[in-house]
Protein backbone atom coordinates (compact mmCIF):
# COMPACT_ATOMS: atom_id res chain seq x y z
CA MET A 1 48.66 -36.56 40.96
CA ASN A 2 51.59 -38.17 39.42
CA ALA A 3 51.82 -39.14 35.64
CA SER A 4 51.08 -42.78 36.15
CA ALA A 5 47.79 -41.98 38.14
CA GLU A 6 46.87 -39.48 35.42
CA LEU A 7 47.43 -42.11 32.80
CA SER A 8 45.13 -44.51 34.63
CA ASN A 9 42.55 -41.96 34.70
CA ILE A 10 42.54 -41.34 31.13
CA ARG A 11 42.91 -44.96 29.95
CA TRP A 12 39.54 -44.80 28.44
CA PHE A 13 40.66 -41.97 26.17
CA ILE A 14 43.67 -43.99 25.14
CA ASP A 15 41.71 -47.19 24.57
CA ASN A 16 39.09 -45.47 22.48
CA TRP A 17 41.47 -43.48 20.29
CA TRP A 18 39.31 -44.31 17.20
CA LEU A 19 36.49 -42.32 18.46
CA THR A 20 38.71 -39.33 18.28
CA LEU A 21 39.71 -40.37 14.83
CA ILE A 22 35.96 -40.56 13.80
CA ARG A 23 35.39 -37.03 15.25
CA GLY A 24 38.20 -35.72 12.99
CA ILE A 25 36.98 -37.46 9.93
CA VAL A 26 33.44 -36.11 10.35
CA ALA A 27 34.85 -32.60 11.01
CA ILE A 28 36.91 -32.73 7.76
CA LEU A 29 33.85 -34.04 5.84
CA PHE A 30 31.82 -31.24 7.27
CA GLY A 31 34.57 -28.71 6.36
CA VAL A 32 34.76 -29.93 2.78
CA MET A 33 31.07 -29.71 2.30
CA THR A 34 31.00 -26.04 3.21
CA PHE A 35 33.42 -25.31 0.47
CA ILE A 36 31.62 -27.50 -2.12
CA TRP A 37 28.39 -25.58 -1.52
CA PRO A 38 29.35 -22.01 -0.57
CA GLY A 39 26.24 -20.41 -1.82
CA ILE A 40 23.87 -22.41 0.55
CA THR A 41 21.01 -20.74 2.24
CA ILE A 42 20.88 -20.06 5.91
CA LEU A 43 18.48 -22.98 6.34
CA SER A 44 20.96 -25.37 4.55
CA LEU A 45 23.85 -24.06 6.78
CA THR A 46 21.63 -24.32 9.84
CA ILE A 47 20.65 -28.00 9.09
CA LEU A 48 24.25 -28.76 8.18
CA TRP A 49 25.68 -27.21 11.32
CA GLY A 50 23.03 -28.60 13.59
CA ALA A 51 23.87 -32.08 12.31
CA TYR A 52 27.44 -31.68 12.90
CA ALA A 53 26.99 -30.24 16.35
CA LEU A 54 24.76 -33.08 17.25
CA VAL A 55 26.99 -35.79 15.96
CA ASP A 56 30.12 -34.18 17.44
CA GLY A 57 28.31 -33.90 20.74
CA VAL A 58 27.18 -37.44 20.67
CA MET A 59 30.59 -38.70 19.76
CA ALA A 60 32.22 -36.60 22.66
CA ILE A 61 29.82 -38.12 25.19
CA VAL A 62 30.42 -41.69 23.83
CA THR A 63 34.10 -41.01 24.12
CA ALA A 64 33.77 -39.62 27.54
CA PHE A 65 31.66 -42.57 28.88
CA SER A 66 32.86 -45.52 26.86
CA SER A 67 34.86 -47.31 29.55
CA SER A 68 33.12 -48.61 32.52
CA GLY A 69 36.37 -49.00 34.55
CA ALA A 70 37.71 -45.53 34.43
CA GLN A 71 37.06 -42.77 36.86
CA THR A 72 34.41 -40.23 35.47
CA SER A 73 35.95 -37.43 37.37
CA SER A 74 38.84 -37.11 34.78
CA ARG A 75 36.51 -36.78 31.78
CA TRP A 76 33.90 -34.29 32.89
CA TRP A 77 35.18 -31.83 30.37
CA LEU A 78 34.51 -33.98 27.40
CA GLY A 79 31.03 -35.00 28.56
CA LEU A 80 30.18 -31.36 29.20
CA ALA A 81 31.46 -30.31 25.68
CA GLY A 82 29.30 -33.16 24.29
CA LEU A 83 26.27 -31.94 26.10
CA VAL A 84 26.77 -28.32 24.78
CA GLY A 85 27.11 -29.70 21.22
CA ILE A 86 23.95 -31.79 21.56
CA ALA A 87 21.91 -28.82 22.99
CA ALA A 88 23.18 -26.66 20.19
CA GLY A 89 22.24 -29.15 17.57
CA VAL A 90 18.82 -29.75 19.06
CA LEU A 91 18.05 -25.97 19.43
CA THR A 92 19.14 -25.57 15.82
CA PHE A 93 16.68 -28.27 14.59
CA LEU A 94 13.79 -26.88 16.70
CA PHE A 95 14.23 -23.20 15.28
CA PRO A 96 15.48 -23.81 11.59
CA ILE A 97 13.96 -20.59 10.25
CA GLY A 98 16.10 -18.52 12.68
CA THR A 99 17.94 -15.50 11.38
CA SER A 100 21.64 -15.63 10.48
CA LEU A 101 22.14 -13.53 13.62
CA GLY A 102 20.61 -16.29 15.64
CA LEU A 103 22.73 -18.90 13.98
CA LEU A 104 25.84 -16.89 14.59
CA ILE A 105 25.01 -16.57 18.33
CA PHE A 106 24.39 -20.28 18.72
CA LEU A 107 27.42 -21.15 16.77
CA ALA A 108 29.64 -18.57 18.52
CA ALA A 109 28.48 -19.66 21.99
CA TRP A 110 28.90 -23.34 21.10
CA LEU A 111 32.50 -22.69 19.81
CA VAL A 112 33.67 -20.62 22.77
CA VAL A 113 32.30 -23.16 25.43
CA ALA A 114 33.55 -26.09 23.54
CA GLY A 115 36.93 -24.45 23.04
CA VAL A 116 37.29 -23.70 26.71
CA MET A 117 36.56 -27.45 27.54
CA GLN A 118 39.04 -28.59 24.87
CA ILE A 119 41.69 -26.53 26.36
CA ILE A 120 40.97 -27.88 29.80
CA GLY A 121 41.25 -31.34 28.27
CA ALA A 122 44.63 -30.44 26.68
CA ILE A 123 45.91 -29.23 30.16
CA ARG A 124 44.84 -32.38 31.71
CA LEU A 125 46.46 -34.50 28.92
CA ARG A 126 49.93 -32.71 29.00
CA LYS A 127 51.32 -34.74 31.75
CA VAL A 128 50.59 -37.99 29.95
CA ILE A 129 51.25 -37.51 26.20
CA ASP A 130 53.22 -35.36 23.92
CA ASN A 131 51.45 -33.04 21.41
CA GLU A 132 48.45 -32.47 23.59
CA TRP A 133 48.71 -29.02 22.16
CA LEU A 134 46.77 -30.39 19.18
CA LEU A 135 43.66 -30.46 21.41
CA GLY A 136 44.52 -27.12 22.79
CA LEU A 137 44.89 -25.77 19.23
CA VAL A 138 41.22 -26.91 18.42
CA GLY A 139 40.07 -25.22 21.62
CA ALA A 140 41.84 -22.02 20.80
CA LEU A 141 40.61 -21.92 17.34
CA SER A 142 37.10 -22.65 18.48
CA ILE A 143 37.30 -19.63 20.86
CA LEU A 144 38.86 -17.36 18.22
CA LEU A 145 36.16 -18.29 15.53
CA GLY A 146 33.31 -17.84 18.22
CA ILE A 147 34.65 -14.39 19.06
CA SER A 148 35.07 -13.31 15.47
CA LEU A 149 31.50 -14.48 14.49
CA VAL A 150 30.16 -12.01 17.17
CA ALA A 151 32.59 -9.32 16.21
CA PHE A 152 31.98 -9.36 12.42
CA PRO A 153 28.26 -10.57 11.85
CA GLY A 154 27.90 -8.76 8.59
CA SER A 155 30.59 -10.72 6.73
CA GLY A 156 28.10 -12.73 4.86
CA LEU A 157 27.05 -16.29 4.84
CA VAL A 158 29.60 -17.45 2.30
CA SER A 159 32.45 -16.09 4.25
CA VAL A 160 31.05 -17.52 7.41
CA ALA A 161 30.63 -20.99 5.74
CA TRP A 162 34.39 -20.65 4.57
CA MET A 163 35.47 -19.73 8.12
CA VAL A 164 33.53 -22.57 9.67
CA GLY A 165 34.66 -24.96 6.88
CA THR A 166 38.31 -24.00 7.48
CA PHE A 167 37.93 -24.44 11.29
CA ALA A 168 36.29 -27.80 10.72
CA ILE A 169 39.12 -29.07 8.52
CA ILE A 170 41.83 -27.75 10.84
CA ALA A 171 40.03 -29.28 13.91
CA GLY A 172 39.55 -32.59 12.01
CA ILE A 173 43.26 -32.74 11.09
CA SER A 174 44.16 -31.90 14.73
CA TYR A 175 41.74 -34.70 16.06
CA ILE A 176 43.29 -37.22 13.73
CA GLY A 177 46.85 -36.24 14.90
CA LEU A 178 45.72 -36.60 18.53
CA SER A 179 44.11 -40.07 17.70
CA MET A 180 47.35 -41.21 16.32
CA ARG A 181 49.29 -40.17 19.38
CA LEU A 182 46.55 -41.90 21.59
CA LYS A 183 46.84 -45.10 19.33
CA LYS A 184 50.62 -45.17 19.91
CA LEU A 185 49.97 -45.13 23.55
CA ALA A 186 47.36 -47.87 23.26
CA ASN A 187 49.72 -50.00 21.29
CA ARG A 188 52.36 -49.56 23.85
CA ALA A 189 50.21 -50.57 26.70
């Protein structure tokens, strides 16, 4: 598939650059909240994270299916990442008294699966835009954080909150950077 055909397949992504911007802003706000209240209980972290995963999943699905004219085959990765986020958020709200290990497993699985989907998305975007590595960076950071949560479960909730907060802020900045590149493409078109 040549670059112009790929561009037409992701026109929906470019036209709706502002949804990626919103994802970035929400991620940064979530990250900042984890630093403001580092001593939160597992239940508070569970509720905050469940809300974030749910909102992020919904925004990913809205972004994936926001344009009726584009081919859906080119955006399956974003829709799947959204479904995983929604499922993780719903499961978190259904079982709020779960142990920290349970939260770590939910969180780690979501981060790894979402990270893989984001790397796939970055690979698909590389033919069309510069700096697609921003989405790939979010994916790689997701995977690394997911693996580290499983490898070091005893690190304590405060350090987990700080790791998640740091990740969310970096992911948010990356999403905002990507949205600005997409906005430039939308303005050119």
